Amino acid sequence: MAELRAEIDRIDARLVALLAERAAYIDRAAELKPALGLPARIDDRVEEVVGKVRARAIAEALDPDLAEALWRRLIDWSIAREEAKIGRV
């Protein structure tokens, strides 16, 4: 059980690092969007991302509803982060 928990902890650490990397790209998007006249939320892009995530989840034998729910929360957080940064520009 200890080895299993260690592997879960290792994966969790990778996930956190990947989320931090994603957040850095969100910050960069927030820097670029005002000059391009783009809002933080672009509904077509949201649905594109969710569609890709659902497809990937299916390919990986992960419940696509779970993946979608997680990503929609992540996307909402990301948009709020962008809006906060755009508001300070």
N, C-alpha and C. Protein backbone atom coordinates (compact mmCIF):
# COMPACT_ATOMS: atom_id res chain seq x y z
N MET A 1 0.82 -1.19 0.00
CA MET A 1 0.00 0.00 0.00
C MET A 1 0.87 1.26 0.00
N ALA A 2 1.99 1.22 0.67
CA ALA A 2 2.87 2.40 0.73
C ALA A 2 3.37 2.78 -0.66
N GLU A 3 3.73 1.77 -1.47
CA GLU A 3 4.21 2.06 -2.82
C GLU A 3 3.10 2.67 -3.67
N LEU A 4 1.90 2.15 -3.52
CA LEU A 4 0.75 2.67 -4.26
C LEU A 4 0.49 4.12 -3.89
N ARG A 5 0.51 4.42 -2.61
CA ARG A 5 0.31 5.80 -2.16
C ARG A 5 1.42 6.71 -2.65
N ALA A 6 2.64 6.22 -2.68
CA ALA A 6 3.75 7.02 -3.18
C ALA A 6 3.56 7.35 -4.65
N GLU A 7 3.07 6.41 -5.42
CA GLU A 7 2.82 6.65 -6.84
C GLU A 7 1.68 7.67 -7.03
N ILE A 8 0.65 7.55 -6.23
CA ILE A 8 -0.44 8.53 -6.29
C ILE A 8 0.09 9.92 -5.94
N ASP A 9 0.91 10.01 -4.91
CA ASP A 9 1.51 11.29 -4.53
C ASP A 9 2.38 11.85 -5.66
N ARG A 10 3.11 10.98 -6.34
CA ARG A 10 3.96 11.41 -7.46
C ARG A 10 3.10 11.97 -8.59
N ILE A 11 2.02 11.28 -8.90
CA ILE A 11 1.12 11.76 -9.95
C ILE A 11 0.47 13.07 -9.54
N ASP A 12 0.05 13.18 -8.29
CA ASP A 12 -0.54 14.43 -7.80
C ASP A 12 0.44 15.60 -7.96
N ALA A 13 1.69 15.37 -7.66
CA ALA A 13 2.70 16.42 -7.81
C ALA A 13 2.84 16.83 -9.27
N ARG A 14 2.81 15.87 -10.18
CA ARG A 14 2.88 16.18 -11.62
C ARG A 14 1.66 16.96 -12.06
N LEU A 15 0.48 16.56 -11.58
CA LEU A 15 -0.74 17.27 -11.93
C LEU A 15 -0.69 18.73 -11.47
N VAL A 16 -0.22 18.95 -10.25
CA VAL A 16 -0.11 20.32 -9.74
C VAL A 16 0.87 21.12 -10.59
N ALA A 17 1.99 20.53 -10.95
CA ALA A 17 2.97 21.22 -11.80
C ALA A 17 2.36 21.55 -13.16
N LEU A 18 1.61 20.63 -13.73
CA LEU A 18 0.97 20.89 -15.03
C LEU A 18 -0.10 21.98 -14.91
N LEU A 19 -0.84 21.99 -13.82
CA LEU A 19 -1.83 23.05 -13.62
C LEU A 19 -1.16 24.41 -13.46
N ALA A 20 -0.04 24.44 -12.78
CA ALA A 20 0.71 25.70 -12.64
C ALA A 20 1.23 26.16 -14.00
N GLU A 21 1.69 25.23 -14.81
CA GLU A 21 2.15 25.56 -16.17
C GLU A 21 0.98 26.10 -17.00
N ARG A 22 -0.17 25.47 -16.87
CA ARG A 22 -1.36 25.93 -17.60
C ARG A 22 -1.73 27.35 -17.16
N ALA A 23 -1.66 27.61 -15.85
CA ALA A 23 -1.98 28.94 -15.32
C ALA A 23 -1.05 30.00 -15.90
N ALA A 24 0.20 29.66 -16.11
CA ALA A 24 1.13 30.62 -16.71
C ALA A 24 0.70 30.98 -18.13
N TYR A 25 0.20 30.01 -18.87
CA TYR A 25 -0.32 30.29 -20.22
C TYR A 25 -1.60 31.13 -20.16
N ILE A 26 -2.40 30.89 -19.16
CA ILE A 26 -3.60 31.71 -18.95
C ILE A 26 -3.18 33.16 -18.70
N ASP A 27 -2.16 33.35 -17.89
CA ASP A 27 -1.67 34.70 -17.62
C ASP A 27 -1.17 35.37 -18.90
N ARG A 28 -0.51 34.62 -19.73
CA ARG A 28 -0.02 35.16 -21.01
C ARG A 28 -1.19 35.53 -21.91
N ALA A 29 -2.23 34.70 -21.94
CA ALA A 29 -3.42 35.01 -22.73
C ALA A 29 -4.06 36.30 -22.23
N ALA A 30 -4.08 36.49 -20.92
CA ALA A 30 -4.67 37.71 -20.35
C ALA A 30 -3.87 38.95 -20.75
N GLU A 31 -2.59 38.80 -20.98
CA GLU A 31 -1.77 39.91 -21.45
C GLU A 31 -2.06 40.24 -22.91
N LEU A 32 -2.33 39.23 -23.71
CA LEU A 32 -2.52 39.42 -25.15
C LEU A 32 -3.94 39.80 -25.55
N LYS A 33 -4.93 39.30 -24.86
CA LYS A 33 -6.32 39.47 -25.28
C LYS A 33 -6.77 40.93 -25.41
N PRO A 34 -6.42 41.82 -24.47
CA PRO A 34 -6.91 43.20 -24.63
C PRO A 34 -6.46 43.85 -25.94
N ALA A 35 -5.23 43.66 -26.32
CA ALA A 35 -4.72 44.25 -27.56
C ALA A 35 -5.40 43.65 -28.79
N LEU A 36 -5.89 42.43 -28.66
CA LEU A 36 -6.57 41.75 -29.76
C LEU A 36 -8.08 41.98 -29.73
N GLY A 37 -8.53 42.71 -28.71
CA GLY A 37 -9.96 42.97 -28.58
C GLY A 37 -10.77 41.75 -28.19
N LEU A 38 -10.13 40.82 -27.51
CA LEU A 38 -10.79 39.57 -27.13
C LEU A 38 -11.20 39.60 -25.66
N PRO A 39 -12.37 39.06 -25.35
CA PRO A 39 -12.78 38.95 -23.95
C PRO A 39 -12.10 37.76 -23.29
N ALA A 40 -12.19 37.70 -21.97
CA ALA A 40 -11.63 36.56 -21.26
C ALA A 40 -12.38 35.28 -21.64
N ARG A 41 -13.71 35.35 -21.70
CA ARG A 41 -14.51 34.17 -22.04
C ARG A 41 -14.85 34.20 -23.52
N ILE A 42 -14.48 33.14 -24.20
CA ILE A 42 -14.86 32.95 -25.60
C ILE A 42 -15.58 31.60 -25.64
N ASP A 43 -16.91 31.67 -25.69
CA ASP A 43 -17.72 30.45 -25.53
C ASP A 43 -17.38 29.35 -26.53
N ASP A 44 -17.11 29.71 -27.78
CA ASP A 44 -16.74 28.68 -28.76
C ASP A 44 -15.47 27.95 -28.34
N ARG A 45 -14.51 28.69 -27.81
CA ARG A 45 -13.25 28.09 -27.37
C ARG A 45 -13.49 27.19 -26.16
N VAL A 46 -14.34 27.63 -25.24
CA VAL A 46 -14.67 26.80 -24.08
C VAL A 46 -15.20 25.45 -24.54
N GLU A 47 -16.15 25.48 -25.46
CA GLU A 47 -16.75 24.22 -25.93
C GLU A 47 -15.75 23.38 -26.71
N GLU A 48 -14.85 24.02 -27.44
CA GLU A 48 -13.80 23.29 -28.16
C GLU A 48 -12.90 22.54 -27.16
N VAL A 49 -12.48 23.23 -26.11
CA VAL A 49 -11.62 22.62 -25.09
C VAL A 49 -12.35 21.46 -24.42
N VAL A 50 -13.60 21.67 -24.03
CA VAL A 50 -14.36 20.62 -23.37
C VAL A 50 -14.54 19.42 -24.29
N GLY A 51 -14.80 19.66 -25.55
CA GLY A 51 -14.93 18.56 -26.50
C GLY A 51 -13.66 17.75 -26.62
N LYS A 52 -12.53 18.43 -26.68
CA LYS A 52 -11.25 17.73 -26.76
C LYS A 52 -10.98 16.92 -25.50
N VAL A 53 -11.31 17.50 -24.36
CA VAL A 53 -11.10 16.81 -23.09
C VAL A 53 -11.99 15.57 -23.00
N ARG A 54 -13.24 15.69 -23.40
CA ARG A 54 -14.13 14.53 -23.37
C ARG A 54 -13.60 13.42 -24.28
N ALA A 55 -13.17 13.78 -25.46
CA ALA A 55 -12.63 12.78 -26.39
C ALA A 55 -11.39 12.12 -25.81
N ARG A 56 -10.52 12.91 -25.21
CA ARG A 56 -9.30 12.34 -24.62
C ARG A 56 -9.64 11.43 -23.45
N ALA A 57 -10.62 11.84 -22.66
CA ALA A 57 -11.03 11.01 -21.52
C ALA A 57 -11.54 9.66 -22.01
N ILE A 58 -12.35 9.67 -23.05
CA ILE A 58 -12.87 8.41 -23.61
C ILE A 58 -11.71 7.54 -24.08
N ALA A 59 -10.74 8.15 -24.77
CA ALA A 59 -9.59 7.40 -25.28
C ALA A 59 -8.76 6.80 -24.15
N GLU A 60 -8.78 7.46 -22.99
CA GLU A 60 -7.99 6.99 -21.84
C GLU A 60 -8.81 6.17 -20.86
N ALA A 61 -10.06 5.83 -21.24
CA ALA A 61 -10.96 5.04 -20.38
C ALA A 61 -11.26 5.75 -19.06
N LEU A 62 -11.39 7.07 -19.14
CA LEU A 62 -11.79 7.88 -17.99
C LEU A 62 -13.22 8.35 -18.24
N ASP A 63 -13.99 8.44 -17.22
CA ASP A 63 -15.38 8.89 -17.34
C ASP A 63 -15.39 10.30 -17.94
N PRO A 64 -15.95 10.46 -19.15
CA PRO A 64 -15.93 11.78 -19.79
C PRO A 64 -16.76 12.82 -19.05
N ASP A 65 -17.79 12.39 -18.33
CA ASP A 65 -18.57 13.35 -17.54
C ASP A 65 -17.74 13.92 -16.39
N LEU A 66 -16.94 13.06 -15.78
CA LEU A 66 -16.05 13.53 -14.72
C LEU A 66 -15.03 14.50 -15.30
N ALA A 67 -14.41 14.14 -16.41
CA ALA A 67 -13.41 15.01 -17.03
C ALA A 67 -14.03 16.35 -17.40
N GLU A 68 -15.23 16.31 -17.98
CA GLU A 68 -15.88 17.56 -18.35
C GLU A 68 -16.16 18.43 -17.13
N ALA A 69 -16.65 17.83 -16.07
CA ALA A 69 -16.95 18.60 -14.85
C ALA A 69 -15.68 19.25 -14.29
N LEU A 70 -14.60 18.48 -14.25
CA LEU A 70 -13.33 19.02 -13.76
C LEU A 70 -12.85 20.17 -14.65
N TRP A 71 -12.92 19.97 -15.96
CA TRP A 71 -12.42 21.00 -16.89
C TRP A 71 -13.30 22.25 -16.88
N ARG A 72 -14.60 22.07 -16.77
CA ARG A 72 -15.46 23.26 -16.70
C ARG A 72 -15.12 24.09 -15.47
N ARG A 73 -14.83 23.44 -14.37
CA ARG A 73 -14.40 24.16 -13.16
C ARG A 73 -13.06 24.84 -13.40
N LEU A 74 -12.14 24.13 -14.02
CA LEU A 74 -10.82 24.69 -14.34
C LEU A 74 -10.96 25.87 -15.29
N ILE A 75 -11.79 25.75 -16.30
CA ILE A 75 -12.00 26.82 -17.26
C ILE A 75 -12.62 28.04 -16.57
N ASP A 76 -13.62 27.82 -15.72
CA ASP A 76 -14.22 28.94 -15.00
C ASP A 76 -13.19 29.67 -14.15
N TRP A 77 -12.34 28.91 -13.47
CA TRP A 77 -11.27 29.49 -12.66
C TRP A 77 -10.31 30.27 -13.55
N SER A 78 -9.96 29.70 -14.69
CA SER A 78 -9.03 30.34 -15.62
C SER A 78 -9.60 31.65 -16.15
N ILE A 79 -10.87 31.65 -16.50
CA ILE A 79 -11.50 32.87 -17.02
C ILE A 79 -11.55 33.93 -15.93
N ALA A 80 -11.89 33.55 -14.72
CA ALA A 80 -11.89 34.51 -13.61
C ALA A 80 -10.49 35.09 -13.40
N ARG A 81 -9.47 34.26 -13.54
CA ARG A 81 -8.09 34.72 -13.40
C ARG A 81 -7.76 35.72 -14.50
N GLU A 82 -8.15 35.39 -15.75
CA GLU A 82 -7.94 36.31 -16.86
C GLU A 82 -8.66 37.63 -16.63
N GLU A 83 -9.93 37.55 -16.23
CA GLU A 83 -10.71 38.78 -16.01
C GLU A 83 -10.07 39.66 -14.95
N ALA A 84 -9.55 39.05 -13.90
CA ALA A 84 -8.89 39.83 -12.84
C ALA A 84 -7.64 40.51 -13.38
N LYS A 85 -6.88 39.81 -14.19
CA LYS A 85 -5.65 40.38 -14.76
C LYS A 85 -5.96 41.44 -15.82
N ILE A 86 -6.96 41.18 -16.66
CA ILE A 86 -7.34 42.15 -17.69
C ILE A 86 -7.85 43.42 -17.05
N GLY A 87 -8.56 43.29 -15.93
CA GLY A 87 -9.07 44.45 -15.22
C GLY A 87 -7.98 45.33 -14.65
N ARG A 88 -6.80 44.77 -14.45
CA ARG A 88 -5.68 45.53 -13.90
C ARG A 88 -4.81 46.15 -14.98
N VAL A 89 -5.07 45.80 -16.23
CA VAL A 89 -4.23 46.29 -17.33
C VAL A 89 -4.50 47.75 -17.56
